[in-house]
């Protein structure tokens, strides 16, 4: 194929074709008879590729590399070029806006020109470019964040199917509304991630690598916090639980502290996150892989963290009430060894269902059953007691321990206040609601 024919097929000039040949982008054989250039179909197709890449503003050096790359590498280079065009588009929009502004306000005074030169210096500064890049990185979704959001959005859906499976239909309308909202949010979440991945694949991949450590760390933090709570509960049973106890329950102070024991690892996670975002060099980023960095980063706060954990454990271990066959043992931070009371010393019983839509104490929430006793001027609440695992009947029938406890107290003629109002809001199984009502109605 002659150069004239190649010109017609590619739309390139003979001068351009010879130029690309001089840059070794194409290899052209010579006709043995007349030494004229002879172009093959392969070289014509290569010239069309070069024309395409030149239209997209790739340099000759870049085109030379792309022609010998695999399709995956070429696609990656095209995505990077698309991001460059996006930045240039934003820059052109800024210039357009400046031209429109200047067309109305332009003055030849030194002060006016100086003001706009300062604006240009700011727009071209590395600090602004870095800030814009950081903002784009933060706005770009990552897989870890998307997975965590998915788990949060899926919770109401799981809640809906869980209640349907248990036959709890009283809160079905609210369940359905929240589940629909969760499903919509979940769909939008993944749609946003997929769209961003398709259009900004390199940026999303970079974010995924940068944030990949968060998901396992968050899991470890949550497991660590929960393990701390479970460990304290188990420790409490072994250290201070009396022999042959029936059941026990931690007080509100212990409940709040246990929440904080779970939250502390999450706070440490936030500290690590802030520290990570402040890192700039690859060497500094590598140092973040060491989990001991969290402890080292706390600096002078390390003693405070140690003291907090010891105080938290002490408060948990000493904020519990144990019930035996005839005794009530109340542990508190002021009386860690516990104060022992007989059943007959109980001043009053108060039982019923919570009636508040929003409340810090779980037993006060609408539909929640509670059993309270007045003892030595203080109120002790049993809402979700933990039973002695050696007592088989308590393992087989939940809340049976409260029913038997109530029967003993009523037999001692202890004054009792009981109100079954709001029982219809209790979303427990029917057998449990009936047990609660038997406790309330027993006089």
Protein backbone atom coordinates (compact mmCIF):
# COMPACT_ATOMS: atom_id res chain seq x y z
CA UNK A 1 0.00 0.00 0.00
CA UNK A 2 1.45 3.39 -1.04
CA UNK A 3 1.61 6.49 1.14
CA UNK A 4 -1.12 8.12 -0.98
CA UNK A 5 -3.48 5.24 -0.25
CA UNK A 6 -2.59 5.39 3.45
CA UNK A 7 -3.40 9.12 3.46
CA UNK A 8 -6.89 8.37 2.14
CA UNK A 9 -7.53 5.56 4.64
CA UNK A 10 -6.22 7.31 7.77
CA UNK A 11 -6.87 10.99 7.04
CA UNK A 12 -3.26 11.76 7.98
CA UNK A 13 -0.89 13.82 5.82
CA UNK A 14 2.20 12.29 4.27
CA UNK A 15 4.28 14.61 6.44
CA UNK A 16 2.63 13.28 9.63
CA UNK A 17 3.04 9.69 8.51
CA UNK A 18 6.77 10.18 7.85
CA UNK A 19 7.09 11.98 11.19
CA UNK A 20 5.60 9.04 13.08
CA UNK A 21 7.95 6.74 11.19
CA UNK A 22 10.93 8.88 12.22
CA UNK A 23 9.82 8.52 15.86
CA UNK A 24 9.77 4.71 15.44
CA UNK A 25 6.01 4.51 16.06
CA UNK A 26 5.61 2.51 12.85
CA UNK A 27 7.98 0.30 10.89
CA UNK A 28 7.67 0.56 7.10
CA UNK A 29 9.18 -1.83 4.60
CA UNK A 30 10.61 -0.70 1.26
CA UNK A 31 9.60 -2.11 -2.10
CA UNK A 32 12.57 -4.13 -3.38
CA UNK A 33 11.99 -2.99 -6.99
CA UNK A 34 11.72 0.78 -6.56
CA UNK A 35 12.58 1.40 -2.87
CA UNK A 36 9.17 3.08 -2.33
CA UNK A 37 7.56 2.72 1.08
CA UNK A 38 5.08 -0.16 1.28
CA UNK A 39 2.53 -0.01 4.12
CA UNK A 40 0.83 -3.11 5.46
CA UNK A 41 -2.67 -3.32 6.99
CA UNK A 42 -1.02 -3.67 10.41
CA UNK A 43 0.80 -0.35 10.01
CA UNK A 44 -2.35 1.37 8.72
CA UNK A 45 -4.23 0.20 11.81
CA UNK A 46 -1.31 1.38 13.96
CA UNK A 47 -1.48 4.81 12.32
CA UNK A 48 -5.19 4.98 13.13
CA UNK A 49 -4.35 4.17 16.74
CA UNK A 50 -1.76 6.95 16.76
CA UNK A 51 -4.32 9.38 15.33
CA UNK A 52 -6.75 8.44 18.08
CA UNK A 53 -4.19 8.88 20.85
CA UNK A 54 -2.96 12.18 19.40
CA UNK A 55 -6.54 13.47 19.37
CA UNK A 56 -6.68 12.65 23.09
CA UNK A 57 -3.54 14.77 23.68
CA UNK A 58 -1.14 11.93 24.40
CA UNK A 59 2.49 12.84 23.73
CA UNK A 60 4.63 10.98 21.18
CA UNK A 61 6.54 9.32 24.04
CA UNK A 62 3.29 8.24 25.72
CA UNK A 63 1.91 6.88 22.43
CA UNK A 64 5.12 4.91 21.89
CA UNK A 65 4.57 3.18 25.22
CA UNK A 66 0.83 2.66 24.73
CA UNK A 67 1.20 0.97 21.33
CA UNK A 68 3.18 -1.83 22.95
CA UNK A 69 1.05 -2.15 26.11
CA UNK A 70 -1.74 -4.62 26.82
CA UNK A 71 -5.35 -3.45 26.72
CA UNK A 72 -5.59 -3.24 30.51
CA UNK A 73 -2.70 -0.78 30.73
CA UNK A 74 -4.12 1.29 27.87
CA UNK A 75 -7.49 1.51 29.63
CA UNK A 76 -5.78 2.63 32.83
CA UNK A 77 -3.90 5.35 30.92
CA UNK A 78 -7.17 6.50 29.34
CA UNK A 79 -8.82 6.77 32.74
CA UNK A 80 -5.91 8.88 33.99
CA UNK A 81 -6.22 11.11 30.91
CA UNK A 82 -9.95 11.47 31.59
CA UNK A 83 -9.14 12.75 35.09
CA UNK A 84 -6.70 15.26 33.60
CA UNK A 85 -9.42 16.50 31.22
CA UNK A 86 -11.77 16.78 34.20
CA UNK A 87 -9.28 19.01 36.02
CA UNK A 88 -8.71 21.06 32.87
CA UNK A 89 -12.45 21.43 32.47
CA UNK A 90 -12.69 22.83 36.00
CA UNK A 91 -9.78 25.16 35.22
CA UNK A 92 -11.47 26.35 32.02
CA UNK A 93 -14.65 27.00 33.98
CA UNK A 94 -12.66 29.12 36.46
CA UNK A 95 -11.04 31.05 33.60
CA UNK A 96 -14.41 31.55 31.94
CA UNK A 97 -15.83 32.91 35.18
CA UNK A 98 -12.85 35.23 35.60
CA UNK A 99 -13.22 36.52 32.03
CA UNK A 100 -16.89 37.32 32.61
CA UNK A 101 -16.05 39.09 35.87
CA UNK A 102 -13.21 41.06 34.28
CA UNK A 103 -15.41 42.02 31.33
CA UNK A 104 -17.53 43.97 33.81
CA UNK A 105 -14.99 45.16 36.36
CA UNK A 106 -11.64 45.44 34.52
CA UNK A 107 -9.46 48.42 35.43
CA UNK A 108 -5.89 49.28 34.46
CA UNK A 109 -4.99 50.43 37.97
CA UNK A 110 -1.99 48.70 39.61
CA UNK A 111 -4.09 47.75 42.63
CA UNK A 112 -6.68 45.96 40.49
CA UNK A 113 -4.06 44.08 38.45
CA UNK A 114 -2.16 43.13 41.62
CA UNK A 115 -5.33 41.78 43.23
CA UNK A 116 -6.03 39.45 40.31
CA UNK A 117 -2.39 38.37 40.12
CA UNK A 118 -2.64 37.28 43.74
CA UNK A 119 -5.80 35.33 42.87
CA UNK A 120 -3.96 33.62 40.01
CA UNK A 121 -1.03 32.74 42.26
CA UNK A 122 -3.45 31.19 44.75
CA UNK A 123 -5.26 29.21 42.04
CA UNK A 124 -1.95 27.89 40.69
CA UNK A 125 -0.45 27.14 44.11
CA UNK A 126 0.50 23.60 45.11
CA UNK A 127 -1.43 24.00 48.39
CA UNK A 128 -4.73 24.53 46.57
CA UNK A 129 -4.05 21.64 44.19
CA UNK A 130 -3.23 19.36 47.13
CA UNK A 131 -6.35 20.46 49.00
CA UNK A 132 -8.55 19.79 45.95
CA UNK A 133 -6.98 16.36 45.50
CA UNK A 134 -7.54 15.54 49.18
CA UNK A 135 -11.16 16.65 48.96
CA UNK A 136 -11.67 14.45 45.90
CA UNK A 137 -10.08 11.53 47.74
CA UNK A 138 -12.39 12.02 50.74
CA UNK A 139 -15.43 12.34 48.44
CA UNK A 140 -14.50 9.19 46.53
CA UNK A 141 -16.06 6.09 48.13
CA UNK A 142 -13.94 3.15 49.20
CA UNK A 143 -14.83 -0.49 49.64
CA UNK A 144 -14.37 -0.55 53.43
CA UNK A 145 -16.68 2.43 53.90
CA UNK A 146 -19.22 0.93 51.49
CA UNK A 147 -19.24 -2.40 53.33
CA UNK A 148 -19.71 -0.74 56.74
CA UNK A 149 -22.55 1.41 55.34
CA UNK A 150 -24.10 -1.72 53.83
CA UNK A 151 -24.11 -3.46 57.21
CA UNK A 152 -25.79 -0.43 58.81
CA UNK A 153 -28.41 -0.15 56.05
CA UNK A 154 -29.08 -3.90 56.09
CA UNK A 155 -29.80 -3.92 59.85
CA UNK A 156 -33.46 -2.73 59.51
CA UNK A 157 -34.05 -5.32 56.77
CA UNK A 158 -32.71 -8.05 59.03
CA UNK A 159 -34.86 -6.67 61.85
CA UNK A 160 -37.97 -6.90 59.65
CA UNK A 161 -37.42 -10.55 58.66
CA UNK A 162 -36.43 -11.44 62.22
CA UNK A 163 -39.72 -10.09 63.62
CA UNK A 164 -41.74 -11.75 60.85
CA UNK A 165 -40.04 -15.07 61.63
CA UNK A 166 -40.83 -14.65 65.34
CA UNK A 167 -44.44 -13.73 64.58
CA UNK A 168 -44.15 -10.19 65.97
CA UNK A 169 -46.52 -8.14 63.83
CA UNK A 170 -47.30 -5.26 66.19
CA UNK A 171 -44.38 -3.16 64.92
CA UNK A 172 -44.56 -4.44 61.33
CA UNK A 173 -45.56 -1.07 59.75
CA UNK A 174 -42.62 0.74 61.38
CA UNK A 175 -40.33 -2.16 60.49
CA UNK A 176 -41.41 -2.06 56.86
CA UNK A 177 -40.90 1.70 56.50
CA UNK A 178 -37.42 1.61 58.03
CA UNK A 179 -36.52 -1.50 55.99
CA UNK A 180 -37.59 0.23 52.75
CA UNK A 181 -35.49 3.29 53.62
CA UNK A 182 -32.55 1.01 54.46
CA UNK A 183 -32.93 -0.84 51.15
CA UNK A 184 -33.01 2.43 49.20
CA UNK A 185 -29.93 3.72 51.02
CA UNK A 186 -28.14 0.41 50.45
CA UNK A 187 -28.95 0.54 46.71
CA UNK A 188 -27.83 4.16 46.38
CA UNK A 189 -24.67 3.36 48.32
CA UNK A 190 -23.57 0.59 45.94
CA UNK A 191 -24.76 2.49 42.85
CA UNK A 192 -22.57 5.42 43.85
CA UNK A 193 -19.60 3.13 44.45
CA UNK A 194 -19.99 1.32 41.11
CA UNK A 195 -20.40 4.56 39.14
CA UNK A 196 -17.35 6.11 40.80
CA UNK A 197 -15.38 2.92 40.20
CA UNK A 198 -16.24 2.95 36.51
CA UNK A 199 -15.38 6.62 35.97
CA UNK A 200 -12.56 7.07 38.52
CA UNK A 201 -11.17 3.57 38.82
CA UNK A 202 -7.63 4.62 39.74
CA UNK A 203 -8.78 7.00 42.46
CA UNK A 204 -11.17 4.41 43.94
CA UNK A 205 -8.44 1.77 43.88
CA UNK A 206 -6.05 4.16 45.62
CA UNK A 207 -8.69 4.85 48.30
CA UNK A 208 -9.33 1.14 48.70
CA UNK A 209 -5.63 0.54 49.34
CA UNK A 210 -5.38 3.50 51.73
CA UNK A 211 -8.44 2.46 53.75
CA UNK A 212 -8.08 -1.31 53.55
CA UNK A 213 -6.67 -1.38 57.09
CA UNK A 214 -9.84 0.15 58.60
CA UNK A 215 -12.21 -2.81 58.18
CA UNK A 216 -10.02 -5.42 59.93
CA UNK A 217 -9.00 -2.89 62.57
CA UNK A 218 -12.63 -1.98 63.23
CA UNK A 219 -13.52 -5.67 63.53
CA UNK A 220 -10.61 -6.23 65.92
CA UNK A 221 -11.61 -3.13 67.92
CA UNK A 222 -15.23 -4.26 68.23
CA UNK A 223 -14.27 -7.83 69.10
CA UNK A 224 -11.76 -6.51 71.62
CA UNK A 225 -14.35 -4.27 73.27
CA UNK A 226 -16.97 -7.02 73.39
CA UNK A 227 -14.37 -9.50 74.67
CA UNK A 228 -13.48 -7.04 77.43
CA UNK A 229 -17.13 -6.84 78.48
CA UNK A 230 -17.61 -10.61 78.33
CA UNK A 231 -14.35 -11.10 80.21
CA UNK A 232 -15.39 -8.73 82.98
CA UNK A 233 -18.76 -10.45 83.32
CA UNK A 234 -17.07 -13.85 83.50
CA UNK A 235 -14.51 -12.51 85.97
CA UNK A 236 -17.28 -11.12 88.12
CA UNK A 237 -19.02 -14.47 88.25
CA UNK A 238 -15.84 -16.22 89.37
CA UNK A 239 -14.61 -13.62 91.86
CA UNK A 240 -17.68 -12.20 93.60
CA UNK A 241 -20.60 -14.47 92.72
CA UNK A 242 -21.91 -16.33 95.81
CA UNK A 243 -22.37 -20.07 95.73
CA UNK A 244 -25.71 -21.32 94.45
CA UNK A 245 -26.90 -17.87 93.30
CA UNK A 246 -30.07 -17.79 91.23
CA UNK A 247 -29.49 -14.76 89.02
CA UNK A 248 -27.81 -11.37 88.93
CA UNK A 249 -27.93 -8.10 87.04
CA UNK A 250 -25.49 -5.24 86.59
CA UNK A 251 -26.59 -1.76 87.58
CA UNK A 252 -26.88 1.29 85.30
CA UNK A 253 -23.33 2.44 86.15
CA UNK A 254 -21.89 -0.86 84.96
CA UNK A 255 -24.00 -0.74 81.79
CA UNK A 256 -22.69 2.71 80.89
CA UNK A 257 -19.10 1.69 81.65
CA UNK A 258 -19.45 -1.45 79.52
CA UNK A 259 -20.58 0.70 76.60
CA UNK A 260 -17.46 2.80 77.07
CA UNK A 261 -15.31 -0.29 77.15
CA UNK A 262 -16.58 -1.00 73.65
CA UNK A 263 -16.25 2.67 72.63
CA UNK A 264 -12.64 3.11 73.77
CA UNK A 265 -11.23 0.90 70.98
CA UNK A 266 -13.33 2.91 68.52
CA UNK A 267 -11.91 6.16 69.95
CA UNK A 268 -8.41 4.76 69.51
CA UNK A 269 -9.40 3.94 65.94
CA UNK A 270 -10.37 7.59 65.38
CA UNK A 271 -7.03 8.73 66.83
CA UNK A 272 -5.22 6.43 64.42
CA UNK A 273 -7.39 7.71 61.55
CA UNK A 274 -6.57 11.35 62.29
CA UNK A 275 -2.89 10.50 62.55
CA UNK A 276 -3.03 8.63 59.25
CA UNK A 277 -4.66 11.54 57.45
CA UNK A 278 -1.84 13.80 58.63
CA UNK A 279 0.83 11.54 57.13
CA UNK A 280 2.27 12.56 53.79
CA UNK A 281 5.31 10.52 52.75
CA UNK A 282 5.17 6.82 51.79
CA UNK A 283 7.72 6.08 54.54
CA UNK A 284 5.48 7.62 57.18
CA UNK A 285 2.47 5.78 55.78
CA UNK A 286 4.35 2.47 56.09
CA UNK A 287 4.92 3.13 59.80
CA UNK A 288 1.15 3.17 60.29
CA UNK A 289 1.05 -0.58 59.69
CA UNK A 290 2.44 -1.20 63.16
CA UNK A 291 -0.50 -1.66 65.55
CA UNK A 292 1.70 -0.43 68.41
CA UNK A 293 1.60 2.99 66.77
CA UNK A 294 -1.76 3.58 68.49
CA UNK A 295 -0.19 3.11 71.91
CA UNK A 296 2.86 5.19 71.04
CA UNK A 297 0.71 7.97 69.59
CA UNK A 298 -1.16 8.38 72.89
CA UNK A 299 2.00 9.82 74.45
CA UNK A 300 1.31 11.46 77.81
CA UNK A 301 -2.27 10.11 77.75
CA UNK A 302 -1.13 6.52 78.17
CA UNK A 303 -1.28 6.58 82.01
CA UNK A 304 -4.78 8.07 81.79
CA UNK A 305 -5.90 5.25 79.48
CA UNK A 306 -4.49 2.61 81.87
CA UNK A 307 -6.19 4.28 84.85
CA UNK A 308 -9.45 4.51 82.89
CA UNK A 309 -9.43 0.79 82.15
CA UNK A 310 -8.72 -0.17 85.74
CA UNK A 311 -11.41 2.20 87.05
CA UNK A 312 -13.85 0.92 84.43
CA UNK A 313 -13.20 -2.70 85.41
CA UNK A 314 -13.60 -1.85 89.09
CA UNK A 315 -16.91 -0.06 88.47
CA UNK A 316 -18.20 -3.00 86.43
CA UNK A 317 -17.18 -5.65 88.92
CA UNK A 318 -18.67 -3.74 91.86
CA UNK A 319 -21.98 -2.60 90.32
CA UNK A 320 -23.95 -5.82 90.42
CA UNK A 321 -26.74 -7.37 92.49
CA UNK A 322 -26.89 -11.13 93.14
CA UNK A 323 -30.03 -13.00 94.24
CA UNK A 324 -29.85 -16.31 96.12
CA UNK A 325 -32.56 -18.54 97.59
CA UNK A 326 -33.11 -16.17 100.54
CA UNK A 327 -30.59 -13.35 100.25
CA UNK A 328 -29.92 -10.30 98.10
CA UNK A 329 -26.28 -9.21 97.86
CA UNK A 330 -25.72 -5.66 96.60
CA UNK A 331 -22.22 -4.78 95.42
CA UNK A 332 -21.26 -1.17 94.80
CA UNK A 333 -18.03 0.84 94.36
CA UNK A 334 -18.34 1.94 98.00
CA UNK A 335 -19.08 -1.62 99.17
CA UNK A 336 -17.13 -3.88 96.80
CA UNK A 337 -17.51 -6.93 99.02
CA UNK A 338 -21.28 -6.48 98.97
CA UNK A 339 -24.04 -5.77 101.50
CA UNK A 340 -26.26 -8.75 102.33
CA UNK A 341 -30.01 -8.37 102.84
CA UNK A 342 -32.78 -10.85 103.63
CA UNK A 343 -35.91 -10.99 101.46
CA UNK A 344 -38.07 -9.66 104.29
CA UNK A 345 -36.03 -6.45 104.35
CA UNK A 346 -37.38 -5.45 100.94
CA UNK A 347 -39.61 -2.41 101.43
CA UNK A 348 -41.63 -2.44 98.20
CA UNK A 349 -42.07 -4.11 94.79
CA UNK A 350 -42.79 -2.18 91.61
CA UNK A 351 -43.34 -3.96 88.28
CA UNK A 352 -44.79 -3.18 84.86
CA UNK A 353 -43.90 -2.08 81.35
CA UNK A 354 -41.99 0.97 80.15
CA UNK A 355 -43.95 3.69 78.35
CA UNK A 356 -41.32 6.03 76.87
CA UNK A 357 -40.56 6.10 73.15
CA UNK A 358 -37.02 7.33 73.80
CA UNK A 359 -35.11 6.63 77.03
CA UNK A 360 -31.52 6.06 78.10
CA UNK A 361 -32.50 3.22 80.43
CA UNK A 362 -33.64 0.23 78.40
CA UNK A 363 -36.32 -0.82 80.91
CA UNK A 364 -38.09 2.56 80.51
CA UNK A 365 -38.65 2.11 76.79
CA UNK A 366 -42.12 1.37 75.51
CA UNK A 367 -43.03 -2.30 75.92
CA UNK A 368 -39.98 -3.27 78.03
CA UNK A 369 -40.76 -5.31 81.14
CA UNK A 370 -39.11 -4.37 84.44
CA UNK A 371 -39.15 -5.67 88.02
CA UNK A 372 -37.97 -3.30 90.76
CA UNK A 373 -37.46 -3.71 94.48
CA UNK A 374 -37.01 -0.98 97.07
CA UNK A 375 -34.25 -1.94 99.50
CA UNK A 376 -32.48 0.18 102.10
CA UNK A 377 -33.70 3.37 100.46
CA UNK A 378 -32.45 2.51 96.95
CA UNK A 379 -34.17 1.03 93.91
CA UNK A 380 -32.79 -2.09 92.25
CA UNK A 381 -34.08 -2.90 88.77
CA UNK A 382 -34.17 -6.33 87.15
CA UNK A 383 -34.76 -6.00 83.42
CA UNK A 384 -32.66 -8.66 81.74
CA UNK A 385 -31.05 -10.76 84.51
CA UNK A 386 -28.33 -13.34 83.89
CA UNK A 387 -29.13 -16.71 85.43
CA UNK A 388 -26.97 -19.39 87.01
CA UNK A 389 -26.13 -21.75 84.15
CA UNK A 390 -26.12 -24.70 86.55
CA UNK A 391 -29.86 -24.33 87.11
CA UNK A 392 -31.36 -26.25 84.20
CA UNK A 393 -34.94 -24.97 84.49
CA UNK A 394 -33.75 -21.37 84.11
CA UNK A 395 -31.85 -22.29 80.99
CA UNK A 396 -34.94 -23.85 79.45
CA UNK A 397 -37.46 -21.14 80.43
CA UNK A 398 -36.41 -17.50 80.22
CA UNK A 399 -37.58 -15.11 82.98
CA UNK A 400 -38.77 -18.05 85.12
CA UNK A 401 -36.30 -16.82 87.77
CA UNK A 402 -38.19 -13.50 88.10
CA UNK A 403 -41.54 -15.29 88.38
CA UNK A 404 -40.27 -17.55 91.19
CA UNK A 405 -38.57 -14.58 92.89
CA UNK A 406 -41.83 -12.63 92.79
CA UNK A 407 -43.77 -15.54 94.25
CA UNK A 408 -41.42 -15.69 97.26
CA UNK A 409 -41.66 -11.94 97.88
CA UNK A 410 -45.46 -11.88 97.59
CA UNK A 411 -45.65 -14.79 100.09
CA UNK A 412 -43.80 -12.52 102.55
CA UNK A 413 -46.59 -9.93 102.18
CA UNK A 414 -44.23 -7.28 100.80
CA UNK A 415 -46.23 -4.32 99.38
CA UNK A 416 -46.46 -4.49 95.59
CA UNK A 417 -47.27 -1.91 92.93
CA UNK A 418 -48.09 -3.44 89.56
CA UNK A 419 -49.41 -1.98 86.31
CA UNK A 420 -49.93 -3.99 83.13
CA UNK A 421 -50.54 -0.88 80.99
CA UNK A 422 -48.58 -1.07 77.77
CA UNK A 423 -48.17 -4.85 77.68
CA UNK A 424 -49.52 -4.84 74.11
CA UNK A 425 -46.38 -2.94 73.07
CA UNK A 426 -44.10 -5.72 74.28
CA UNK A 427 -42.66 -7.48 71.21
CA UNK A 428 -41.54 -10.62 73.07
CA UNK A 429 -43.01 -14.02 72.26
CA UNK A 430 -46.47 -14.69 73.62
CA UNK A 431 -45.23 -17.10 76.31
CA UNK A 432 -42.95 -14.43 77.79
CA UNK A 433 -45.65 -11.74 77.74
CA UNK A 434 -47.96 -14.14 79.55
CA UNK A 435 -45.25 -14.74 82.18
CA UNK A 436 -44.82 -10.98 82.66
CA UNK A 437 -48.57 -10.58 83.11
CA UNK A 438 -48.65 -13.41 85.71
CA UNK A 439 -45.94 -11.60 87.67
CA UNK A 440 -47.84 -8.32 87.50
CA UNK A 441 -51.20 -9.83 88.45
CA UNK A 442 -49.91 -11.92 91.37
CA UNK A 443 -50.89 -10.20 94.64
